[in-house]
Amino acid sequence: MFGTVLISVCTFMHVYVFWRAASIPFVEQHMSRKSFIGTALILWAVFFLGRILGHSRTGILAGVLEFLGMNWMAVLFLTFLPLLLIDLITLFGFLMPRLAPSLRGAALVVGMVLSVIALFQGMRPPIVEKYEVTLPDLPSALDGTVIVALSDMHLGSQLGKGWLAARIAQVKEQKPDLVLLLGDIFEGHGPPEDKLIVPFNQLSASYGLWAIPGNHEFYGGSRTNLFESAGFKLLNNTWVEVRPGLVLAGVEDLTTRSRNGQNNDSISQALAGRPPGATILLSHTPWQADKAAQKGVKLMLSGHTHGGQIWPFGYLVRKRYPLLEGRYEVDKMTAIVCRGTGTWGPRMRLWHPGQILRVTLRGEGGQSFKTR
């Protein structure tokens, strides 16, 4: 259903962009009608094949098709918006009829410039975002504990073994006590590739490697077994005391449970019976933060939203996920939402690059702030 809606929306944007581009003076002067229509058909075919074939298979051809098709989808979005804005301002050319075609040309240039910036940002390595968080119940011996968390890598045909090896190197540079995977680590649509996770074997942390599943871990069959193969222990609606006085709890993806009609009180289940001390909750989807705070959680780490990934799409995403990215304070609990270490669909981001979280824990009396 999602794929059908996506193809339909993108086809509409495709037709609209080429319809408006046909009236731009530069296009009229430098492209024949036949070549213009041919270009439109070829680009639509690239998008369609990228979605249908590239998205569900692995291999070089599938990877190339998906890269081209999904990036073209983002280019359409970023050119559609300025073209539509100009049409609304000029009432589709009824106002300023002589100037409107040139304004459409300017809008097309704006869309292309934004696309180039977004591609550059999407291809950049993710940055390490540093936070310090005070946990009142944290034992003094654990003051200074370093957590490194990654989310939404979507490992598969677009982001593979080489890309992952570079991220592992970034993690190791932080000398973490805890390494966490916050879900959507695997893309999940093509066949699982066990060899893809080999770089994870280079990781170690004194307090362990822990993971929670995201929604993509269940597309096309469960991939949760890959976490264990990568050396990570899965927290599935349960908790573990990683050190006396420091509890780590994790829940299944809340959106997946909601779609399956399951009871969404997995947070209560994950926290039940835990020992006293500072509690950190891992939840792929940043929902029910108020419930977590009421249950005594002092730090909640999430992902899933990608921070909207491509501006201004984030404004729409925020309607469903009010905790979109960054740091929030919810009833004396700190919530940090990672905007994603990788990308989904297009290898494009606007305006912020991908992100790895580095969280330093402080005991009572420490300060709570974000640093770079």
Protein backbone atom coordinates (compact mmCIF):
# COMPACT_ATOMS: atom_id res chain seq x y z
CA MET A 1 0.00 0.00 0.00
CA PHE A 2 2.82 2.40 0.93
CA GLY A 3 4.63 1.63 -2.32
CA THR A 4 1.50 2.26 -4.38
CA VAL A 5 0.89 5.63 -2.71
CA LEU A 6 4.56 6.61 -3.09
CA ILE A 7 4.62 5.75 -6.81
CA SER A 8 1.33 7.60 -7.38
CA VAL A 9 2.48 10.76 -5.58
CA CYS A 10 5.85 10.76 -7.34
CA THR A 11 4.21 10.22 -10.72
CA PHE A 12 2.00 13.25 -10.09
CA MET A 13 5.02 15.37 -9.12
CA HIS A 14 6.91 14.07 -12.17
CA VAL A 15 4.13 15.08 -14.57
CA TYR A 16 3.69 18.45 -12.88
CA VAL A 17 7.41 19.33 -12.93
CA PHE A 18 7.79 18.47 -16.62
CA TRP A 19 4.52 20.23 -17.51
CA ARG A 20 5.74 23.46 -15.91
CA ALA A 21 9.30 23.04 -17.18
CA ALA A 22 7.99 22.83 -20.77
CA SER A 23 6.95 26.52 -20.58
CA ILE A 24 10.35 27.79 -19.40
CA PRO A 25 12.03 29.85 -22.18
CA PHE A 26 15.44 28.17 -21.82
CA VAL A 27 13.87 24.70 -22.16
CA GLU A 28 11.78 25.75 -25.17
CA GLN A 29 14.85 27.16 -26.91
CA HIS A 30 17.30 24.32 -26.22
CA MET A 31 15.24 21.11 -26.21
CA SER A 32 13.10 19.63 -28.94
CA ARG A 33 9.67 18.35 -28.00
CA LYS A 34 10.72 14.77 -28.77
CA SER A 35 13.87 14.88 -26.59
CA PHE A 36 11.95 16.60 -23.79
CA ILE A 37 9.27 13.91 -23.70
CA GLY A 38 11.89 11.18 -24.03
CA THR A 39 13.82 12.55 -21.05
CA ALA A 40 10.63 12.64 -19.00
CA LEU A 41 9.80 9.02 -19.83
CA ILE A 42 13.33 7.77 -19.13
CA LEU A 43 13.51 9.49 -15.74
CA TRP A 44 10.10 8.15 -14.74
CA ALA A 45 11.19 4.64 -15.77
CA VAL A 46 14.36 5.00 -13.68
CA PHE A 47 12.29 5.97 -10.64
CA PHE A 48 9.78 3.17 -11.19
CA LEU A 49 12.43 0.49 -11.68
CA GLY A 50 14.40 1.82 -8.74
CA ARG A 51 11.36 1.44 -6.52
CA ILE A 52 10.13 -1.91 -7.85
CA LEU A 53 13.33 -3.77 -8.70
CA GLY A 54 16.10 -1.94 -6.87
CA HIS A 55 14.18 -1.74 -3.61
CA SER A 56 13.46 -5.46 -3.36
CA ARG A 57 16.68 -7.03 -4.63
CA THR A 58 20.40 -6.95 -3.97
CA GLY A 59 23.34 -6.69 -6.32
CA ILE A 60 25.07 -3.97 -8.33
CA LEU A 61 22.24 -3.37 -10.81
CA ALA A 62 19.62 -3.17 -8.06
CA GLY A 63 21.83 -0.80 -6.09
CA VAL A 64 22.36 1.52 -9.05
CA LEU A 65 18.66 1.54 -9.93
CA GLU A 66 17.64 2.30 -6.37
CA PHE A 67 20.26 5.04 -6.00
CA LEU A 68 19.16 6.79 -9.20
CA GLY A 69 15.44 6.23 -8.70
CA MET A 70 15.25 7.31 -5.05
CA ASN A 71 17.46 10.35 -5.60
CA TRP A 72 15.29 11.39 -8.53
CA MET A 73 12.30 11.14 -6.21
CA ALA A 74 13.95 13.67 -3.89
CA VAL A 75 14.87 15.95 -6.80
CA LEU A 76 11.22 15.90 -7.87
CA PHE A 77 10.13 16.90 -4.38
CA LEU A 78 12.63 19.76 -4.17
CA THR A 79 11.72 21.13 -7.61
CA PHE A 80 7.99 20.56 -7.26
CA LEU A 81 7.73 22.83 -4.21
CA PRO A 82 9.30 26.03 -5.68
CA LEU A 83 7.45 25.52 -8.97
CA LEU A 84 4.16 25.17 -7.12
CA LEU A 85 4.95 28.27 -5.05
CA ILE A 86 5.50 30.33 -8.19
CA ASP A 87 2.26 29.01 -9.72
CA LEU A 88 0.34 29.97 -6.58
CA ILE A 89 1.87 33.46 -6.58
CA THR A 90 1.13 34.00 -10.28
CA LEU A 91 -2.16 32.05 -10.25
CA PHE A 92 -0.64 29.60 -12.74
CA GLY A 93 0.40 32.44 -15.07
CA PHE A 94 -2.83 34.45 -15.08
CA LEU A 95 -0.96 37.13 -13.12
CA MET A 96 2.27 38.40 -14.69
CA PRO A 97 1.84 36.18 -17.78
CA ARG A 98 5.05 37.43 -19.41
CA LEU A 99 7.15 37.10 -16.28
CA ALA A 100 5.72 33.80 -15.01
CA PRO A 101 7.72 31.49 -17.36
CA SER A 102 10.99 33.11 -16.29
CA LEU A 103 9.97 32.81 -12.64
CA ARG A 104 9.36 29.10 -13.23
CA GLY A 105 12.87 28.87 -14.64
CA ALA A 106 14.24 30.47 -11.47
CA ALA A 107 12.19 28.04 -9.37
CA LEU A 108 13.62 25.11 -11.31
CA VAL A 109 17.15 26.39 -10.67
CA VAL A 110 16.37 26.75 -6.95
CA GLY A 111 15.13 23.16 -6.86
CA MET A 112 18.27 21.89 -8.57
CA VAL A 113 20.55 23.84 -6.22
CA LEU A 114 18.71 22.46 -3.20
CA SER A 115 19.06 18.97 -4.67
CA VAL A 116 22.83 19.35 -5.04
CA ILE A 117 23.14 20.57 -1.45
CA ALA A 118 20.96 17.71 -0.22
CA LEU A 119 23.02 15.14 -2.11
CA PHE A 120 26.24 16.56 -0.67
CA GLN A 121 24.82 16.44 2.86
CA GLY A 122 23.47 12.94 2.39
CA MET A 123 26.77 11.58 1.12
CA ARG A 124 28.77 13.16 3.96
CA PRO A 125 29.84 10.99 6.90
CA PRO A 126 27.53 11.43 9.89
CA ILE A 127 28.75 13.80 12.59
CA VAL A 128 29.22 12.83 16.23
CA GLU A 129 26.79 14.88 18.34
CA LYS A 130 27.89 15.15 21.97
CA TYR A 131 25.55 15.44 24.94
CA GLU A 132 25.98 15.43 28.71
CA VAL A 133 23.02 14.25 30.77
CA THR A 134 22.61 14.24 34.54
CA LEU A 135 20.94 11.16 36.03
CA PRO A 136 20.08 11.82 39.70
CA ASP A 137 20.24 8.13 40.70
CA LEU A 138 23.52 7.38 38.91
CA PRO A 139 26.15 5.96 41.31
CA SER A 140 29.20 8.20 41.62
CA ALA A 141 31.42 5.38 40.32
CA LEU A 142 29.58 5.56 36.98
CA ASP A 143 29.93 9.34 36.57
CA GLY A 144 31.48 9.94 33.15
CA THR A 145 30.07 6.79 31.53
CA VAL A 146 30.13 7.24 27.74
CA ILE A 147 27.32 5.92 25.56
CA VAL A 148 27.57 5.85 21.76
CA ALA A 149 24.31 5.22 19.91
CA LEU A 150 23.54 4.73 16.22
CA SER A 151 20.12 4.57 14.61
CA ASP A 152 18.51 4.20 11.19
CA MET A 153 21.56 3.06 9.26
CA HIS A 154 19.40 1.09 6.79
CA LEU A 155 22.25 -1.19 5.81
CA GLY A 156 21.59 -2.83 2.45
CA SER A 157 22.14 -2.06 -1.20
CA GLN A 158 22.80 1.66 -0.64
CA LEU A 159 24.84 1.60 2.56
CA GLY A 160 27.08 -1.42 2.65
CA LYS A 161 30.08 -3.01 4.31
CA GLY A 162 32.54 -0.23 3.48
CA TRP A 163 30.24 2.49 4.76
CA LEU A 164 29.62 0.51 7.96
CA ALA A 165 33.36 -0.03 8.53
CA ALA A 166 33.85 3.75 8.49
CA ARG A 167 31.07 4.20 11.06
CA ILE A 168 32.61 1.53 13.30
CA ALA A 169 35.87 3.49 13.19
CA GLN A 170 34.01 6.61 14.29
CA VAL A 171 32.44 4.73 17.20
CA LYS A 172 35.78 3.30 18.35
CA GLU A 173 37.31 6.79 18.38
CA GLN A 174 34.81 7.77 21.11
CA LYS A 175 36.05 4.99 23.47
CA PRO A 176 32.50 4.10 24.59
CA ASP A 177 31.50 2.17 27.71
CA LEU A 178 28.18 1.25 26.05
CA VAL A 179 27.36 0.90 22.35
CA LEU A 180 23.69 0.98 21.41
CA LEU A 181 21.79 0.33 18.17
CA LEU A 182 18.43 2.12 18.18
CA GLY A 183 16.70 0.22 15.37
CA ASP A 184 16.33 0.26 11.57
CA ILE A 185 19.90 -0.94 11.32
CA PHE A 186 18.98 -3.11 8.33
CA GLU A 187 16.98 -1.90 5.34
CA GLY A 188 14.93 -5.08 5.36
CA HIS A 189 13.47 -5.20 1.86
CA GLY A 190 16.02 -7.30 -0.01
CA PRO A 191 17.46 -10.63 1.11
CA PRO A 192 19.49 -10.28 4.33
CA GLU A 193 23.24 -10.17 3.78
CA ASP A 194 25.08 -11.77 6.70
CA LYS A 195 28.46 -10.65 5.34
CA LEU A 196 27.32 -7.05 5.64
CA ILE A 197 27.63 -7.08 9.43
CA VAL A 198 31.24 -8.29 9.64
CA PRO A 199 32.58 -4.81 10.63
CA PHE A 200 30.46 -4.96 13.81
CA ASN A 201 32.79 -7.69 15.10
CA GLN A 202 35.47 -5.03 15.63
CA LEU A 203 33.39 -3.37 18.36
CA SER A 204 33.70 -3.90 22.07
CA ALA A 205 32.55 -1.98 25.13
CA SER A 206 33.08 -2.64 28.83
CA TYR A 207 29.35 -2.42 29.59
CA GLY A 208 28.29 -4.32 26.50
CA LEU A 209 26.76 -3.98 23.05
CA TRP A 210 22.96 -3.67 23.09
CA ALA A 211 20.26 -3.23 20.46
CA ILE A 212 16.54 -2.79 19.96
CA PRO A 213 14.58 -3.55 16.76
CA GLY A 214 13.04 -0.93 14.50
CA ASN A 215 10.19 -1.30 12.03
CA HIS A 216 12.56 -2.19 9.16
CA GLU A 217 13.90 -5.18 11.05
CA PHE A 218 10.56 -6.88 10.34
CA TYR A 219 10.04 -6.02 6.66
CA GLY A 220 10.38 -9.08 4.46
CA GLY A 221 10.91 -11.35 7.48
CA SER A 222 12.54 -10.79 10.85
CA ARG A 223 16.18 -9.75 10.87
CA THR A 224 16.58 -9.64 14.64
CA ASN A 225 18.88 -12.69 14.48
CA LEU A 226 21.45 -10.48 12.72
CA PHE A 227 21.92 -8.46 15.91
CA GLU A 228 23.18 -11.55 17.73
CA SER A 229 25.43 -12.41 14.78
CA ALA A 230 26.88 -8.90 15.05
CA GLY A 231 27.64 -9.39 18.75
CA PHE A 232 24.75 -7.30 20.10
CA LYS A 233 22.28 -8.46 22.74
CA LEU A 234 18.68 -7.65 21.92
CA LEU A 235 16.46 -5.88 24.44
CA ASN A 236 12.91 -6.83 23.49
CA ASN A 237 10.47 -5.45 26.09
CA THR A 238 12.90 -6.22 28.87
CA TRP A 239 15.68 -4.69 30.97
CA VAL A 240 19.21 -5.50 32.07
CA GLU A 241 21.37 -4.08 34.85
CA VAL A 242 24.60 -3.34 32.98
CA ARG A 243 26.26 -2.19 36.21
CA PRO A 244 24.90 -1.93 39.77
CA GLY A 245 22.75 1.19 39.74
CA LEU A 246 22.51 1.50 35.94
CA VAL A 247 19.56 -0.17 34.20
CA LEU A 248 19.12 -0.38 30.44
CA ALA A 249 15.63 -1.21 29.11
CA GLY A 250 14.44 -1.66 25.54
CA VAL A 251 11.09 -2.01 23.78
CA GLU A 252 9.90 -3.36 20.46
CA ASP A 253 9.15 -0.78 17.80
CA LEU A 254 5.92 0.96 18.84
CA THR A 255 4.77 1.67 15.26
CA THR A 256 5.08 -2.02 14.34
CA ARG A 257 3.05 -3.04 17.38
CA SER A 258 0.43 -0.41 16.54
CA ARG A 259 0.05 -1.63 12.93
CA ASN A 260 -0.25 -5.23 14.14
CA GLY A 261 -2.98 -4.28 16.60
CA GLN A 262 -0.88 -5.33 19.59
CA ASN A 263 -1.08 -3.92 23.10
CA ASN A 264 1.18 -0.89 23.09
CA ASP A 265 2.00 -1.01 26.81
CA SER A 266 5.39 -2.52 26.08
CA ILE A 267 7.08 0.26 28.07
CA SER A 268 5.44 -0.95 31.30
CA GLN A 269 6.42 -4.51 30.40
CA ALA A 270 10.03 -3.54 29.71
CA LEU A 271 10.38 -1.65 33.01
CA ALA A 272 8.56 -4.07 35.31
CA GLY A 273 10.56 -5.47 38.21
CA ARG A 274 13.73 -3.53 37.53
CA PRO A 275 16.11 -2.81 40.42
CA PRO A 276 16.63 0.69 41.83
CA GLY A 277 19.05 3.03 40.12
CA ALA A 278 19.27 5.19 37.01
CA THR A 279 17.15 3.83 34.12
CA ILE A 280 17.79 4.44 30.43
CA LEU A 281 15.04 3.43 27.97
CA LEU A 282 15.68 2.59 24.33
CA SER A 283 12.66 3.01 22.06
CA HIS A 284 13.09 3.17 18.29
CA THR A 285 9.98 5.32 17.87
CA PRO A 286 9.93 8.46 20.08
CA TRP A 287 6.41 7.91 21.37
CA GLN A 288 5.06 7.64 24.92
CA ALA A 289 7.88 9.68 26.44
CA ASP A 290 5.46 10.95 29.10
CA LYS A 291 4.68 7.37 30.14
CA ALA A 292 8.39 6.55 30.35
CA ALA A 293 8.97 9.61 32.53
CA GLN A 294 6.09 8.64 34.83
CA LYS A 295 7.68 5.19 35.21
CA GLY A 296 10.88 6.76 36.51
CA VAL A 297 13.01 6.69 33.35
CA LYS A 298 15.57 9.50 33.37
CA LEU A 299 16.94 9.16 29.82
CA MET A 300 15.15 7.94 26.69
CA LEU A 301 17.03 7.39 23.43
CA SER A 302 15.16 7.06 20.12
CA GLY A 303 15.46 7.39 16.34
CA HIS A 304 13.03 6.59 13.50
CA THR A 305 12.14 10.15 12.40
CA HIS A 306 15.36 10.92 10.46
CA GLY A 307 14.71 14.49 11.55
CA GLY A 308 12.50 14.71 8.46
CA GLN A 309 15.66 13.98 6.40
CA ILE A 310 14.79 16.45 3.62
CA TRP A 311 13.55 19.93 4.48
CA PRO A 312 10.74 21.00 4.57
CA PHE A 313 9.37 17.45 4.94
CA GLY A 314 10.17 17.60 8.65
CA TYR A 315 7.22 19.92 9.28
CA LEU A 316 4.88 17.13 8.17
CA VAL A 317 6.79 14.44 10.10
CA ARG A 318 6.54 16.53 13.28
CA LYS A 319 2.74 16.23 13.15
CA ARG A 320 3.06 12.51 13.88
CA TYR A 321 6.30 12.61 15.86
CA PRO A 322 6.43 15.77 18.03
CA LEU A 323 9.84 14.67 19.32
CA LEU A 324 11.48 15.05 15.92
CA GLU A 325 15.21 15.33 16.61
CA GLY A 326 17.59 16.54 19.27
CA ARG A 327 17.08 16.98 22.98
CA TYR A 328 13.82 17.37 24.89
CA GLU A 329 12.92 17.56 28.56
CA VAL A 330 9.76 15.60 29.40
CA ASP A 331 8.58 15.73 33.04
CA LYS A 332 12.17 15.70 34.44
CA MET A 333 13.26 13.05 31.92
CA THR A 334 15.70 13.79 29.10
CA ALA A 335 14.74 12.44 25.67
CA ILE A 336 17.24 12.48 22.81
CA VAL A 337 16.10 11.61 19.29
CA CYS A 338 18.81 10.72 16.79
CA ARG A 339 18.09 12.03 13.31
CA GLY A 340 19.62 8.88 11.83
CA THR A 341 23.15 7.70 11.15
CA GLY A 342 22.28 6.75 7.57
CA THR A 343 19.48 7.61 5.16
CA TRP A 344 16.30 5.98 3.92
CA GLY A 345 15.46 6.10 0.21
CA PRO A 346 17.42 9.01 -1.28
CA ARG A 347 21.06 9.44 -0.25
CA MET A 348 20.10 13.04 0.43
CA ARG A 349 19.62 15.26 3.49
CA LEU A 350 18.55 18.86 3.85
CA TRP A 351 19.82 20.59 5.93
CA HIS A 352 21.65 18.45 8.50
CA PRO A 353 24.00 15.49 7.94
CA GLY A 354 23.55 12.10 9.58
CA GLN A 355 24.29 11.69 13.26
CA ILE A 356 25.93 9.45 15.83
CA LEU A 357 25.05 10.17 19.46
CA ARG A 358 27.73 10.40 22.15
CA VAL A 359 26.11 10.76 25.57
CA THR A 360 28.19 11.25 28.71
CA LEU A 361 26.34 10.40 31.92
CA ARG A 362 26.78 12.57 34.99
CA GLY A 363 25.66 11.93 38.54
CA GLU A 364 23.74 14.34 40.79
CA GLY A 365 25.35 17.77 40.82
CA GLY A 366 26.68 17.47 37.28
CA GLN A 367 25.50 19.71 34.49
CA SER A 368 23.13 18.81 31.67
CA PHE A 369 23.91 20.37 28.34
CA LYS A 370 24.77 19.68 24.70
CA THR A 371 28.26 20.19 23.31
CA ARG A 372 29.89 19.80 19.93
